Amino acid sequence: MKTLVLNGPNLNRLGKREPEIYGSQTLADLAELCAATGKDLGLDVDFRQTNHEGELLEWLHEAADNGHPVVLNAAAWTHTSVAVGDACAQLTAPLIEVHLSNVHKREPFRHHSYVSAHATGVIVGLGFQGYVAALDAIAAG
């Protein structure tokens, strides 16, 4: 089953940006982990990252049109983008929202998500292992 693992802005800076919050591993490390996990679970993982909101919207539309499950770390857009929330509302397959850090222990603006209302599940604060848990949940159906 094709599964989109979509990542939003600044995640390309993993390993450089605030390592005390996000750790020292890179986006490439995360992509490798997701590919290996997907293979073990029988999922065809398509891992993507963008700093352009319109591109993320197009990917979500693609998932909606094709019935693909999605693991989504919309990063800052989670808390600011009604458009991302609206695109998530169109998904018919499972949507797992993932955040590397525990957003509820951070700034108050991060406590609200436009994605959560449309998500099958939400995983926060587990770092890279959150993506593993999300892929496992999708594979389990």
Protein backbone atom coordinates (compact mmCIF):
# COMPACT_ATOMS: atom_id res chain seq x y z
CA MET A 1 0.00 0.00 0.00
CA LYS A 2 1.42 3.38 -0.99
CA THR A 3 1.70 5.65 2.03
CA LEU A 4 2.70 9.30 1.84
CA VAL A 5 4.92 10.60 4.64
CA LEU A 6 4.65 14.37 4.28
CA ASN A 7 6.74 16.94 6.11
CA GLY A 8 6.35 20.68 6.25
CA PRO A 9 8.57 23.71 6.69
CA ASN A 10 11.96 23.73 8.36
CA LEU A 11 12.13 19.96 8.77
CA ASN A 12 14.88 20.00 6.15
CA ARG A 13 16.89 21.71 8.93
CA LEU A 14 16.77 18.69 11.25
CA GLY A 15 20.18 18.10 12.81
CA LYS A 16 20.93 21.84 12.65
CA ARG A 17 17.81 23.52 14.01
CA GLU A 18 17.42 23.50 17.79
CA PRO A 19 18.96 20.08 18.43
CA GLU A 20 17.92 20.33 22.08
CA ILE A 21 14.31 20.08 20.85
CA TYR A 22 14.58 18.15 17.58
CA GLY A 23 17.70 16.04 18.11
CA SER A 24 20.85 15.69 16.02
CA GLN A 25 19.55 13.31 13.34
CA THR A 26 18.82 14.67 9.88
CA LEU A 27 15.86 14.54 7.51
CA ALA A 28 17.81 12.00 5.45
CA ASP A 29 18.09 9.82 8.57
CA LEU A 30 14.34 10.10 9.06
CA ALA A 31 13.65 9.23 5.41
CA GLU A 32 15.83 6.11 5.73
CA LEU A 33 14.04 5.06 8.92
CA CYS A 34 10.64 5.50 7.31
CA ALA A 35 11.66 3.58 4.17
CA ALA A 36 13.05 0.68 6.23
CA THR A 37 10.03 0.64 8.53
CA GLY A 38 7.68 0.73 5.57
CA LYS A 39 9.49 -2.15 3.91
CA ASP A 40 9.24 -4.22 7.10
CA LEU A 41 5.51 -3.48 7.31
CA GLY A 42 4.75 -4.02 3.63
CA LEU A 43 4.13 -0.33 2.92
CA ASP A 44 5.42 1.57 -0.11
CA VAL A 45 6.57 4.74 1.66
CA ASP A 46 6.81 7.93 -0.39
CA PHE A 47 8.69 10.38 1.86
CA ARG A 48 8.52 14.11 1.02
CA GLN A 49 9.38 17.48 2.58
CA THR A 50 8.55 21.00 1.46
CA ASN A 51 8.91 24.57 2.61
CA HIS A 52 6.10 25.65 0.24
CA GLU A 53 2.56 25.40 1.56
CA GLY A 54 0.97 25.08 -1.89
CA GLU A 55 3.12 22.06 -2.63
CA LEU A 56 1.96 20.36 0.58
CA LEU A 57 -1.64 21.09 -0.39
CA GLU A 58 -1.10 19.48 -3.80
CA TRP A 59 0.34 16.37 -2.11
CA LEU A 60 -2.65 16.15 0.23
CA HIS A 61 -4.98 16.49 -2.77
CA GLU A 62 -3.04 13.69 -4.49
CA ALA A 63 -3.54 11.48 -1.42
CA ALA A 64 -7.25 12.34 -1.32
CA ASP A 65 -7.72 11.59 -5.03
CA ASN A 66 -5.86 8.27 -4.80
CA GLY A 67 -7.01 7.07 -1.38
CA HIS A 68 -3.49 6.96 0.03
CA PRO A 69 -2.94 6.96 3.79
CA VAL A 70 -0.85 9.86 5.08
CA VAL A 71 1.61 10.41 7.89
CA LEU A 72 1.75 14.19 8.23
CA ASN A 73 4.08 16.47 10.13
CA ALA A 74 2.80 19.79 8.85
CA ALA A 75 5.19 21.53 11.28
CA ALA A 76 4.28 25.22 11.80
CA TRP A 77 1.40 24.97 9.30
CA THR A 78 -0.31 22.63 11.76
CA HIS A 79 -0.98 25.63 13.98
CA THR A 80 -1.55 28.33 11.36
CA SER A 81 -3.04 26.94 8.15
CA VAL A 82 -6.77 26.58 7.66
CA ALA A 83 -5.89 25.51 4.09
CA VAL A 84 -3.89 22.51 5.34
CA GLY A 85 -6.78 21.58 7.63
CA ASP A 86 -9.23 21.85 4.74
CA ALA A 87 -7.02 19.61 2.58
CA CYS A 88 -6.81 17.06 5.39
CA ALA A 89 -10.61 17.04 5.62
CA GLN A 90 -10.70 15.64 2.07
CA LEU A 91 -8.67 12.54 2.91
CA THR A 92 -10.52 9.23 2.93
CA ALA A 93 -7.70 6.91 4.05
CA PRO A 94 -6.08 7.09 7.50
CA LEU A 95 -4.24 10.27 8.46
CA ILE A 96 -1.76 10.15 11.32
CA GLU A 97 -0.55 13.54 12.57
CA VAL A 98 3.02 13.42 13.92
CA HIS A 99 5.17 15.94 15.76
CA LEU A 100 8.74 15.28 16.87
CA SER A 101 8.43 17.37 20.01
CA ASN A 102 5.63 17.42 22.56
CA VAL A 103 3.83 20.50 21.26
CA HIS A 104 1.77 20.68 24.45
CA LYS A 105 4.90 21.45 26.49
CA ARG A 106 5.88 24.30 24.17
CA GLU A 107 4.57 27.76 23.30
CA PRO A 108 0.79 28.17 23.63
CA PHE A 109 0.28 28.80 19.89
CA ARG A 110 1.51 25.23 19.26
CA HIS A 111 -1.30 23.74 21.36
CA HIS A 112 -3.87 24.19 18.56
CA SER A 113 -3.88 22.04 15.43
CA TYR A 114 -5.91 22.52 12.26
CA VAL A 115 -4.97 18.92 11.36
CA SER A 116 -6.07 17.01 14.48
CA ALA A 117 -9.81 17.29 13.81
CA HIS A 118 -9.30 15.26 10.63
CA ALA A 119 -6.68 12.81 11.90
CA THR A 120 -7.20 9.16 12.71
CA GLY A 121 -4.57 9.61 15.41
CA VAL A 122 -2.03 12.10 16.74
CA ILE A 123 1.48 11.26 17.95
CA VAL A 124 3.56 13.91 19.70
CA GLY A 125 6.85 13.98 21.55
CA LEU A 126 8.33 10.64 20.47
CA GLY A 127 10.89 12.03 18.05
CA PHE A 128 11.62 9.81 15.07
CA GLN A 129 9.88 6.90 16.81
CA GLY A 130 6.60 8.73 16.31
CA TYR A 131 6.89 8.10 12.58
CA VAL A 132 7.54 4.40 13.23
CA ALA A 133 4.41 4.25 15.40
CA ALA A 134 2.39 6.06 12.74
CA LEU A 135 3.48 3.68 9.99
CA ASP A 136 2.75 0.73 12.26
CA ALA A 137 -0.76 2.06 12.88
CA ILE A 138 -1.38 2.44 9.14
CA ALA A 139 -0.12 -1.07 8.41
CA ALA A 140 -2.32 -2.49 11.17
CA GLY A 141 -5.33 -0.91 9.48
